[in-house]
Amino acid sequence: MNMKKILLVLLGLILVMSMVACGNEEVQSKVDSIKSQGKIVIGTSAAYPPYEFHKDINGKDTIVGFDIDIANEIAKELGVEVEIKDMAFDGLLAALNGEKIDIIIAGMTPTEERKKSVDFSKVYYQAKQAVVILDENSSEINSLDKLKGIKLGVQKGTVQEELAKEYGDEKNIKGLTKLSNIMLDLLEKKVDAVIVESPVAKSYVNKYEELIISDVKIETNDNGSAIAVKKGNEDLVQVIDTVLDELIKENKIEEFVAKNSQLAEE
């Protein structure tokens, strides 16, 4: 056999071996990856009680909330621990697609715009929108049309920011990354009103006696809150939906909301 034939045979053997190797190499699914790491990393923005917020528990700063309770149930189903990464709300999607976190659970609404970049679980909770104001302004800010011409505070990157643009004057909208800072601005009269989901509004009103929920009614086609997952991780979405189905069936999410609403008031 001449050298040319030997080389062809060797090349053929190398090609066959590489094809066999590729065939045996399985791409690890997201669920398997999480299980092998022993933890699921969740991204949230913990200034949104009762969804997620900081609380002193036995002298330790701890992130709690009903979203965190749900995350713990998902982790239990996967047999792993939970690692929480607290960040600005408007940075969550980039963190997910950059694989710095495994899921987003932060009271996030599955809008059509967000669905272009990430996948979502089923909706696990729906809440109405509320407008928080200073008690002293209750007679002045009492209808939807009164939002025009006043300074509105919102959390950046949220549905509430879009509502402020729709019902207020865009030039008078102040967006910040943390809701707690927006509420402080309201208390300091740097903004006149804050648009936020009803459970969150109740939490802040219970915390600060100067604040009330106004009579302003905002009707929306709100899609509720869902858990965001990087596109292509259908197996993880299936696990999450299974857990949510069970929690909804057993009315556990309502229990989580009630428990954390009370915890936020303490």
C-alpha atoms as a PDB file:
ATOM      1  CA  MET A   1       0.000   0.000   0.000  1.00  0.00           C
ATOM      2  CA  ASN A   2       1.524   3.314  -1.025  1.00  0.00           C
ATOM      3  CA  MET A   3       1.764   6.381   1.208  1.00  0.00           C
ATOM      4  CA  LYS A   4      -1.213   8.126  -0.423  1.00  0.00           C
ATOM      5  CA  LYS A   5      -3.547   5.188   0.317  1.00  0.00           C
ATOM      6  CA  ILE A   6      -2.265   4.974   3.896  1.00  0.00           C
ATOM      7  CA  LEU A   7      -3.042   8.645   4.452  1.00  0.00           C
ATOM      8  CA  LEU A   8      -6.534   8.254   3.028  1.00  0.00           C
ATOM      9  CA  VAL A   9      -7.195   5.279   5.317  1.00  0.00           C
ATOM     10  CA  LEU A  10      -5.932   7.208   8.357  1.00  0.00           C
ATOM     11  CA  LEU A  11      -8.052  10.221   7.492  1.00  0.00           C
ATOM     12  CA  GLY A  12     -11.079   7.987   7.112  1.00  0.00           C
ATOM     13  CA  LEU A  13     -10.459   6.400  10.507  1.00  0.00           C
ATOM     14  CA  ILE A  14     -10.080   9.830  12.141  1.00  0.00           C
ATOM     15  CA  LEU A  15     -13.355  11.010  10.564  1.00  0.00           C
ATOM     16  CA  VAL A  16     -15.236   7.913  11.730  1.00  0.00           C
ATOM     17  CA  MET A  17     -13.843   8.216  15.260  1.00  0.00           C
ATOM     18  CA  SER A  18     -14.759  11.915  15.483  1.00  0.00           C
ATOM     19  CA  MET A  19     -18.298  11.198  14.307  1.00  0.00           C
ATOM     20  CA  VAL A  20     -18.673   8.464  16.915  1.00  0.00           C
ATOM     21  CA  ALA A  21     -17.352  10.802  19.600  1.00  0.00           C
ATOM     22  CA  CYS A  22     -19.802  13.534  18.603  1.00  0.00           C
ATOM     23  CA  GLY A  23     -22.631  11.050  18.590  1.00  0.00           C
ATOM     24  CA  ASN A  24     -21.817   9.939  22.117  1.00  0.00           C
ATOM     25  CA  GLU A  25     -21.416  13.474  23.420  1.00  0.00           C
ATOM     26  CA  GLU A  26     -24.726  14.671  24.810  1.00  0.00           C
ATOM     27  CA  VAL A  27     -25.471  18.328  25.324  1.00  0.00           C
ATOM     28  CA  GLN A  28     -26.385  18.808  28.977  1.00  0.00           C
ATOM     29  CA  SER A  29     -29.888  20.176  29.483  1.00  0.00           C
ATOM     30  CA  LYS A  30     -30.466  23.245  31.655  1.00  0.00           C
ATOM     31  CA  VAL A  31     -32.180  21.181  34.333  1.00  0.00           C
ATOM     32  CA  ASP A  32     -29.271  18.705  34.417  1.00  0.00           C
ATOM     33  CA  SER A  33     -26.824  21.619  34.553  1.00  0.00           C
ATOM     34  CA  ILE A  34     -28.626  23.134  37.565  1.00  0.00           C
ATOM     35  CA  LYS A  35     -28.727  19.756  39.311  1.00  0.00           C
ATOM     36  CA  SER A  36     -25.025  19.173  38.708  1.00  0.00           C
ATOM     37  CA  GLN A  37     -24.241  22.622  40.181  1.00  0.00           C
ATOM     38  CA  GLY A  38     -26.418  21.870  43.180  1.00  0.00           C
ATOM     39  CA  LYS A  39     -28.061  25.281  43.035  1.00  0.00           C
ATOM     40  CA  ILE A  40     -30.421  27.441  41.020  1.00  0.00           C
ATOM     41  CA  VAL A  41     -29.364  31.094  40.709  1.00  0.00           C
ATOM     42  CA  ILE A  42     -32.315  33.464  40.716  1.00  0.00           C
ATOM     43  CA  GLY A  43     -32.231  37.109  39.704  1.00  0.00           C
ATOM     44  CA  THR A  44     -34.505  39.552  41.477  1.00  0.00           C
ATOM     45  CA  SER A  45     -34.802  43.195  42.534  1.00  0.00           C
ATOM     46  CA  ALA A  46     -35.468  43.109  46.259  1.00  0.00           C
ATOM     47  CA  ALA A  47     -37.236  46.397  46.914  1.00  0.00           C
ATOM     48  CA  TYR A  48     -40.700  45.224  45.918  1.00  0.00           C
ATOM     49  CA  PRO A  49     -42.575  43.957  48.996  1.00  0.00           C
ATOM     50  CA  PRO A  50     -44.314  41.569  49.351  1.00  0.00           C
ATOM     51  CA  TYR A  51     -42.812  40.036  46.159  1.00  0.00           C
ATOM     52  CA  GLU A  52     -39.171  40.387  47.295  1.00  0.00           C
ATOM     53  CA  PHE A  53     -37.599  42.623  49.911  1.00  0.00           C
ATOM     54  CA  HIS A  54     -34.855  42.857  52.515  1.00  0.00           C
ATOM     55  CA  LYS A  55     -35.724  41.907  56.093  1.00  0.00           C
ATOM     56  CA  ASP A  56     -33.690  41.601  59.264  1.00  0.00           C
ATOM     57  CA  ILE A  57     -34.118  37.969  60.313  1.00  0.00           C
ATOM     58  CA  ASN A  58     -32.379  37.102  63.586  1.00  0.00           C
ATOM     59  CA  GLY A  59     -29.948  39.953  63.077  1.00  0.00           C
ATOM     60  CA  LYS A  60     -29.127  39.012  59.482  1.00  0.00           C
ATOM     61  CA  ASP A  61     -30.134  40.941  56.368  1.00  0.00           C
ATOM     62  CA  THR A  62     -32.209  38.417  54.412  1.00  0.00           C
ATOM     63  CA  ILE A  63     -34.069  38.628  51.099  1.00  0.00           C
ATOM     64  CA  VAL A  64     -37.601  37.314  51.580  1.00  0.00           C
ATOM     65  CA  GLY A  65     -40.943  37.568  49.790  1.00  0.00           C
ATOM     66  CA  PHE A  66     -43.528  35.403  48.099  1.00  0.00           C
ATOM     67  CA  ASP A  67     -41.421  35.236  44.932  1.00  0.00           C
ATOM     68  CA  ILE A  68     -38.624  33.818  47.080  1.00  0.00           C
ATOM     69  CA  ASP A  69     -41.020  31.256  48.558  1.00  0.00           C
ATOM     70  CA  ILE A  70     -41.930  30.187  45.023  1.00  0.00           C
ATOM     71  CA  ALA A  71     -38.244  29.970  44.079  1.00  0.00           C
ATOM     72  CA  ASN A  72     -37.648  27.743  47.108  1.00  0.00           C
ATOM     73  CA  GLU A  73     -40.406  25.399  45.936  1.00  0.00           C
ATOM     74  CA  ILE A  74     -38.817  25.205  42.477  1.00  0.00           C
ATOM     75  CA  ALA A  75     -35.443  24.444  44.061  1.00  0.00           C
ATOM     76  CA  LYS A  76     -37.041  21.747  46.206  1.00  0.00           C
ATOM     77  CA  GLU A  77     -38.499  20.112  43.084  1.00  0.00           C
ATOM     78  CA  LEU A  78     -35.025  20.149  41.481  1.00  0.00           C
ATOM     79  CA  GLY A  79     -33.307  18.966  44.658  1.00  0.00           C
ATOM     80  CA  VAL A  80     -30.965  21.973  44.800  1.00  0.00           C
ATOM     81  CA  GLU A  81     -30.265  25.091  46.873  1.00  0.00           C
ATOM     82  CA  VAL A  82     -31.270  28.669  45.985  1.00  0.00           C
ATOM     83  CA  GLU A  83     -28.723  31.411  45.348  1.00  0.00           C
ATOM     84  CA  ILE A  84     -30.196  34.933  45.127  1.00  0.00           C
ATOM     85  CA  LYS A  85     -28.664  37.733  43.070  1.00  0.00           C
ATOM     86  CA  ASP A  86     -30.191  41.117  43.876  1.00  0.00           C
ATOM     87  CA  MET A  87     -29.845  43.714  41.116  1.00  0.00           C
ATOM     88  CA  ALA A  88     -31.535  46.597  39.358  1.00  0.00           C
ATOM     89  CA  PHE A  89     -34.787  45.520  37.711  1.00  0.00           C
ATOM     90  CA  ASP A  90     -33.792  46.911  34.322  1.00  0.00           C
ATOM     91  CA  GLY A  91     -30.623  44.783  34.355  1.00  0.00           C
ATOM     92  CA  LEU A  92     -32.339  41.435  34.925  1.00  0.00           C
ATOM     93  CA  LEU A  93     -32.951  40.444  31.291  1.00  0.00           C
ATOM     94  CA  ALA A  94     -29.332  41.114  30.332  1.00  0.00           C
ATOM     95  CA  ALA A  95     -28.152  39.065  33.315  1.00  0.00           C
ATOM     96  CA  LEU A  96     -30.373  36.151  32.258  1.00  0.00           C
ATOM     97  CA  ASN A  97     -29.234  36.162  28.639  1.00  0.00           C
ATOM     98  CA  GLY A  98     -25.645  36.584  29.808  1.00  0.00           C
ATOM     99  CA  GLU A  99     -26.096  33.391  31.888  1.00  0.00           C
ATOM    100  CA  LYS A 100     -25.270  35.144  35.153  1.00  0.00           C
ATOM    101  CA  ILE A 101     -28.571  33.838  36.548  1.00  0.00           C
ATOM    102  CA  ASP A 102     -30.795  30.846  35.751  1.00  0.00           C
ATOM    103  CA  ILE A 103     -34.218  32.471  36.127  1.00  0.00           C
ATOM    104  CA  ILE A 104     -35.817  35.844  36.854  1.00  0.00           C
ATOM    105  CA  ILE A 105     -38.482  35.937  39.524  1.00  0.00           C
ATOM    106  CA  ALA A 106     -39.259  39.551  40.297  1.00  0.00           C
ATOM    107  CA  GLY A 107     -42.947  40.246  39.732  1.00  0.00           C
ATOM    108  CA  MET A 108     -42.118  40.511  36.028  1.00  0.00           C
ATOM    109  CA  THR A 109     -44.943  40.897  33.516  1.00  0.00           C
ATOM    110  CA  PRO A 110     -44.526  38.735  30.382  1.00  0.00           C
ATOM    111  CA  THR A 111     -44.983  41.515  27.836  1.00  0.00           C
ATOM    112  CA  GLU A 112     -44.728  40.870  24.105  1.00  0.00           C
ATOM    113  CA  GLU A 113     -41.552  42.949  23.994  1.00  0.00           C
ATOM    114  CA  ARG A 114     -39.876  40.838  26.687  1.00  0.00           C
ATOM    115  CA  LYS A 115     -40.994  37.620  24.992  1.00  0.00           C
ATOM    116  CA  LYS A 116     -38.772  38.548  22.060  1.00  0.00           C
ATOM    117  CA  SER A 117     -35.672  37.974  24.199  1.00  0.00           C
ATOM    118  CA  VAL A 118     -36.715  35.425  26.856  1.00  0.00           C
ATOM    119  CA  ASP A 119     -39.267  32.684  27.511  1.00  0.00           C
ATOM    120  CA  PHE A 120     -41.771  32.776  30.359  1.00  0.00           C
ATOM    121  CA  SER A 121     -43.515  30.344  32.647  1.00  0.00           C
ATOM    122  CA  LYS A 122     -47.250  30.471  33.068  1.00  0.00           C
ATOM    123  CA  VAL A 123     -48.615  33.453  35.008  1.00  0.00           C
ATOM    124  CA  TYR A 124     -48.561  32.758  38.735  1.00  0.00           C
ATOM    125  CA  TYR A 125     -50.078  35.953  40.139  1.00  0.00           C
ATOM    126  CA  GLN A 126     -52.181  38.880  38.955  1.00  0.00           C
ATOM    127  CA  ALA A 127     -52.524  42.158  40.804  1.00  0.00           C
ATOM    128  CA  LYS A 128     -54.235  45.466  40.079  1.00  0.00           C
ATOM    129  CA  GLN A 129     -52.327  48.715  39.698  1.00  0.00           C
ATOM    130  CA  ALA A 130     -52.456  51.416  42.366  1.00  0.00           C
ATOM    131  CA  VAL A 131     -51.355  55.039  42.699  1.00  0.00           C
ATOM    132  CA  VAL A 132     -49.663  55.953  45.979  1.00  0.00           C
ATOM    133  CA  ILE A 133     -49.711  59.589  47.098  1.00  0.00           C
ATOM    134  CA  LEU A 134     -49.211  61.686  50.211  1.00  0.00           C
ATOM    135  CA  ASP A 135     -52.310  61.742  52.415  1.00  0.00           C
ATOM    136  CA  GLU A 136     -52.312  65.539  52.296  1.00  0.00           C
ATOM    137  CA  ASN A 137     -52.914  65.397  48.523  1.00  0.00           C
ATOM    138  CA  SER A 138     -55.903  63.043  48.616  1.00  0.00           C
ATOM    139  CA  SER A 139     -58.399  65.689  47.483  1.00  0.00           C
ATOM    140  CA  GLU A 140     -56.183  66.882  44.629  1.00  0.00           C
ATOM    141  CA  ILE A 141     -55.069  63.568  43.101  1.00  0.00           C
ATOM    142  CA  ASN A 142     -58.252  61.526  42.953  1.00  0.00           C
ATOM    143  CA  SER A 143     -58.917  60.669  39.286  1.00  0.00           C
ATOM    144  CA  LEU A 144     -57.010  59.373  36.278  1.00  0.00           C
ATOM    145  CA  ASP A 145     -56.985  62.716  34.478  1.00  0.00           C
ATOM    146  CA  LYS A 146     -55.170  64.273  37.463  1.00  0.00           C
ATOM    147  CA  LEU A 147     -52.026  62.311  36.561  1.00  0.00           C
ATOM    148  CA  LYS A 148     -51.460  64.761  33.722  1.00  0.00           C
ATOM    149  CA  GLY A 149     -49.282  67.615  34.860  1.00  0.00           C
ATOM    150  CA  ILE A 150     -47.956  66.042  38.072  1.00  0.00           C
ATOM    151  CA  LYS A 151     -44.613  64.343  38.721  1.00  0.00           C
ATOM    152  CA  LEU A 152     -44.921  60.559  38.553  1.00  0.00           C
ATOM    153  CA  GLY A 153     -42.413  58.172  40.102  1.00  0.00           C
ATOM    154  CA  VAL A 154     -41.888  54.684  38.648  1.00  0.00           C
ATOM    155  CA  GLN A 155     -39.410  51.844  38.686  1.00  0.00           C
ATOM    156  CA  LYS A 156     -37.353  51.750  35.498  1.00  0.00           C
ATOM    157  CA  GLY A 157     -38.070  49.040  32.959  1.00  0.00           C
ATOM    158  CA  THR A 158     -41.476  48.133  34.373  1.00  0.00           C
ATOM    159  CA  VAL A 159     -45.052  48.047  33.125  1.00  0.00           C
ATOM    160  CA  GLN A 160     -45.725  50.953  35.486  1.00  0.00           C
ATOM    161  CA  GLU A 161     -43.254  53.088  33.545  1.00  0.00           C
ATOM    162  CA  GLU A 162     -45.280  52.480  30.387  1.00  0.00           C
ATOM    163  CA  LEU A 163     -48.514  53.305  32.237  1.00  0.00           C
ATOM    164  CA  ALA A 164     -46.994  56.580  33.431  1.00  0.00           C
ATOM    165  CA  LYS A 165     -46.186  57.479  29.829  1.00  0.00           C
ATOM    166  CA  GLU A 166     -49.723  56.603  28.790  1.00  0.00           C
ATOM    167  CA  TYR A 167     -51.602  58.499  31.502  1.00  0.00           C
ATOM    168  CA  GLY A 168     -49.099  61.184  32.525  1.00  0.00           C
ATOM    169  CA  ASP A 169     -46.721  63.599  30.845  1.00  0.00           C
ATOM    170  CA  GLU A 170     -43.486  61.902  29.807  1.00  0.00           C
ATOM    171  CA  LYS A 171     -41.450  64.988  30.714  1.00  0.00           C
ATOM    172  CA  ASN A 172     -42.723  64.699  34.302  1.00  0.00           C
ATOM    173  CA  ILE A 173     -41.848  61.036  34.798  1.00  0.00           C
ATOM    174  CA  LYS A 174     -39.013  60.133  37.144  1.00  0.00           C
ATOM    175  CA  GLY A 175     -37.716  56.578  36.814  1.00  0.00           C
ATOM    176  CA  LEU A 176     -35.336  54.989  39.312  1.00  0.00           C
ATOM    177  CA  THR A 177     -33.962  51.456  39.534  1.00  0.00           C
ATOM    178  CA  LYS A 178     -35.102  50.841  43.123  1.00  0.00           C
ATOM    179  CA  LEU A 179     -38.681  51.299  44.233  1.00  0.00           C
ATOM    180  CA  SER A 180     -37.622  52.079  47.793  1.00  0.00           C
ATOM    181  CA  ASN A 181     -35.820  55.186  46.496  1.00  0.00           C
ATOM    182  CA  ILE A 182     -38.913  56.234  44.543  1.00  0.00           C
ATOM    183  CA  MET A 183     -41.038  56.011  47.690  1.00  0.00           C
ATOM    184  CA  LEU A 184     -38.499  58.138  49.545  1.00  0.00           C
ATOM    185  CA  ASP A 185     -38.794  60.707  46.762  1.00  0.00           C
ATOM    186  CA  LEU A 186     -42.549  60.703  47.295  1.00  0.00           C
ATOM    187  CA  LEU A 187     -42.118  61.241  51.032  1.00  0.00           C
ATOM    188  CA  GLU A 188     -39.701  64.096  50.312  1.00  0.00           C
ATOM    189  CA  LYS A 189     -42.159  65.589  47.766  1.00  0.00           C
ATOM    190  CA  LYS A 190     -39.771  65.172  44.833  1.00  0.00           C
ATOM    191  CA  VAL A 191     -42.574  63.326  43.014  1.00  0.00           C
ATOM    192  CA  ASP A 192     -46.333  63.637  43.499  1.00  0.00           C
ATOM    193  CA  ALA A 193     -47.440  60.052  42.958  1.00  0.00           C
ATOM    194  CA  VAL A 194     -46.039  56.554  42.413  1.00  0.00           C
ATOM    195  CA  ILE A 195     -47.648  53.896  40.219  1.00  0.00           C
ATOM    196  CA  VAL A 196     -47.126  50.392  41.578  1.00  0.00           C
ATOM    197  CA  GLU A 197     -48.943  47.061  41.947  1.00  0.00           C
ATOM    198  CA  SER A 198     -51.592  46.919  44.647  1.00  0.00           C
ATOM    199  CA  PRO A 199     -49.889  44.473  47.088  1.00  0.00           C
ATOM    200  CA  VAL A 200     -46.715  46.551  46.927  1.00  0.00           C
ATOM    201  CA  ALA A 201     -48.671  49.778  47.439  1.00  0.00           C
ATOM    202  CA  LYS A 202     -50.343  48.333  50.542  1.00  0.00           C
ATOM    203  CA  SER A 203     -46.967  47.325  51.940  1.00  0.00           C
ATOM    204  CA  TYR A 204     -45.509  50.828  51.651  1.00  0.00           C
ATOM    205  CA  VAL A 205     -48.701  52.514  52.891  1.00  0.00           C
ATOM    206  CA  ASN A 206     -48.633  50.307  55.980  1.00  0.00           C
ATOM    207  CA  LYS A 207     -45.000  51.241  56.533  1.00  0.00           C
ATOM    208  CA  TYR A 208     -45.370  55.018  56.155  1.00  0.00           C
ATOM    209  CA  GLU A 209     -48.376  56.734  57.744  1.00  0.00           C
ATOM    210  CA  GLU A 210     -47.955  59.763  55.469  1.00  0.00           C
ATOM    211  CA  LEU A 211     -48.841  57.664  52.417  1.00  0.00           C
ATOM    212  CA  ILE A 212     -52.205  56.455  51.136  1.00  0.00           C
ATOM    213  CA  ILE A 213     -53.537  54.608  48.107  1.00  0.00           C
ATOM    214  CA  SER A 214     -55.392  57.193  46.044  1.00  0.00           C
ATOM    215  CA  ASP A 215     -58.820  56.841  44.467  1.00  0.00           C
ATOM    216  CA  VAL A 216     -57.216  56.833  41.009  1.00  0.00           C
ATOM    217  CA  LYS A 217     -58.226  53.683  39.104  1.00  0.00           C
ATOM    218  CA  ILE A 218     -55.970  52.382  36.355  1.00  0.00           C
ATOM    219  CA  GLU A 219     -57.550  49.724  34.146  1.00  0.00           C
ATOM    220  CA  THR A 220     -55.002  47.596  32.283  1.00  0.00           C
ATOM    221  CA  ASN A 221     -54.749  44.411  30.291  1.00  0.00           C
ATOM    222  CA  ASP A 222     -52.112  43.293  32.769  1.00  0.00           C
ATOM    223  CA  ASN A 223     -50.761  39.839  31.998  1.00  0.00           C
ATOM    224  CA  GLY A 224     -49.766  39.248  35.608  1.00  0.00           C
ATOM    225  CA  SER A 225     -46.390  38.003  36.842  1.00  0.00           C
ATOM    226  CA  ALA A 226     -44.399  35.119  35.369  1.00  0.00           C
ATOM    227  CA  ILE A 227     -40.907  33.631  35.698  1.00  0.00           C
ATOM    228  CA  ALA A 228     -38.421  34.418  32.932  1.00  0.00           C
ATOM    229  CA  VAL A 229     -36.089  31.744  31.531  1.00  0.00           C
ATOM    230  CA  LYS A 230     -33.468  32.010  28.799  1.00  0.00           C
ATOM    231  CA  LYS A 231     -34.769  30.945  25.391  1.00  0.00           C
ATOM    232  CA  GLY A 232     -34.076  27.310  24.558  1.00  0.00           C
ATOM    233  CA  ASN A 233     -34.462  26.031  28.133  1.00  0.00           C
ATOM    234  CA  GLU A 234     -37.860  24.395  27.623  1.00  0.00           C
ATOM    235  CA  ASP A 235     -37.064  21.645  30.129  1.00  0.00           C
ATOM    236  CA  LEU A 236     -36.674  24.215  32.913  1.00  0.00           C
ATOM    237  CA  VAL A 237     -39.917  25.961  31.921  1.00  0.00           C
ATOM    238  CA  GLN A 238     -41.711  22.599  32.182  1.00  0.00           C
ATOM    239  CA  VAL A 239     -40.389  22.001  35.699  1.00  0.00           C
ATOM    240  CA  ILE A 240     -41.358  25.522  36.784  1.00  0.00           C
ATOM    241  CA  ASP A 241     -44.868  25.208  35.304  1.00  0.00           C
ATOM    242  CA  THR A 242     -45.365  21.894  37.094  1.00  0.00           C
ATOM    243  CA  VAL A 243     -44.446  23.495  40.417  1.00  0.00           C
ATOM    244  CA  LEU A 244     -46.667  26.520  39.758  1.00  0.00           C
ATOM    245  CA  ASP A 245     -49.615  24.279  38.834  1.00  0.00           C
ATOM    246  CA  GLU A 246     -49.310  22.515  42.176  1.00  0.00           C
ATOM    247  CA  LEU A 247     -48.928  25.737  44.171  1.00  0.00           C
ATOM    248  CA  ILE A 248     -51.926  27.340  42.453  1.00  0.00           C
ATOM    249  CA  LYS A 249     -54.023  24.200  42.927  1.00  0.00           C
ATOM    250  CA  GLU A 250     -53.244  24.118  46.664  1.00  0.00           C
ATOM    251  CA  ASN A 251     -53.767  27.902  47.021  1.00  0.00           C
ATOM    252  CA  LYS A 252     -50.196  28.171  48.307  1.00  0.00           C
ATOM    253  CA  ILE A 253     -49.343  31.344  46.399  1.00  0.00           C
ATOM    254  CA  GLU A 254     -52.163  33.265  48.084  1.00  0.00           C
ATOM    255  CA  GLU A 255     -50.827  31.965  51.404  1.00  0.00           C
ATOM    256  CA  PHE A 256     -47.331  33.146  50.468  1.00  0.00           C
ATOM    257  CA  VAL A 257     -48.688  36.589  49.543  1.00  0.00           C
ATOM    258  CA  ALA A 258     -50.571  36.940  52.846  1.00  0.00           C
ATOM    259  CA  LYS A 259     -47.601  35.748  54.905  1.00  0.00           C
ATOM    260  CA  ASN A 260     -45.118  38.098  53.254  1.00  0.00           C
ATOM    261  CA  SER A 261     -47.498  41.052  53.278  1.00  0.00           C
ATOM    262  CA  GLN A 262     -47.671  40.666  57.041  1.00  0.00           C
ATOM    263  CA  LEU A 263     -43.900  40.182  57.292  1.00  0.00           C
ATOM    264  CA  ALA A 264     -43.326  43.390  55.327  1.00  0.00           C
ATOM    265  CA  GLU A 265     -45.455  45.301  57.840  1.00  0.00           C
ATOM    266  CA  GLU A 266     -43.529  44.089  60.908  1.00  0.00           C
END
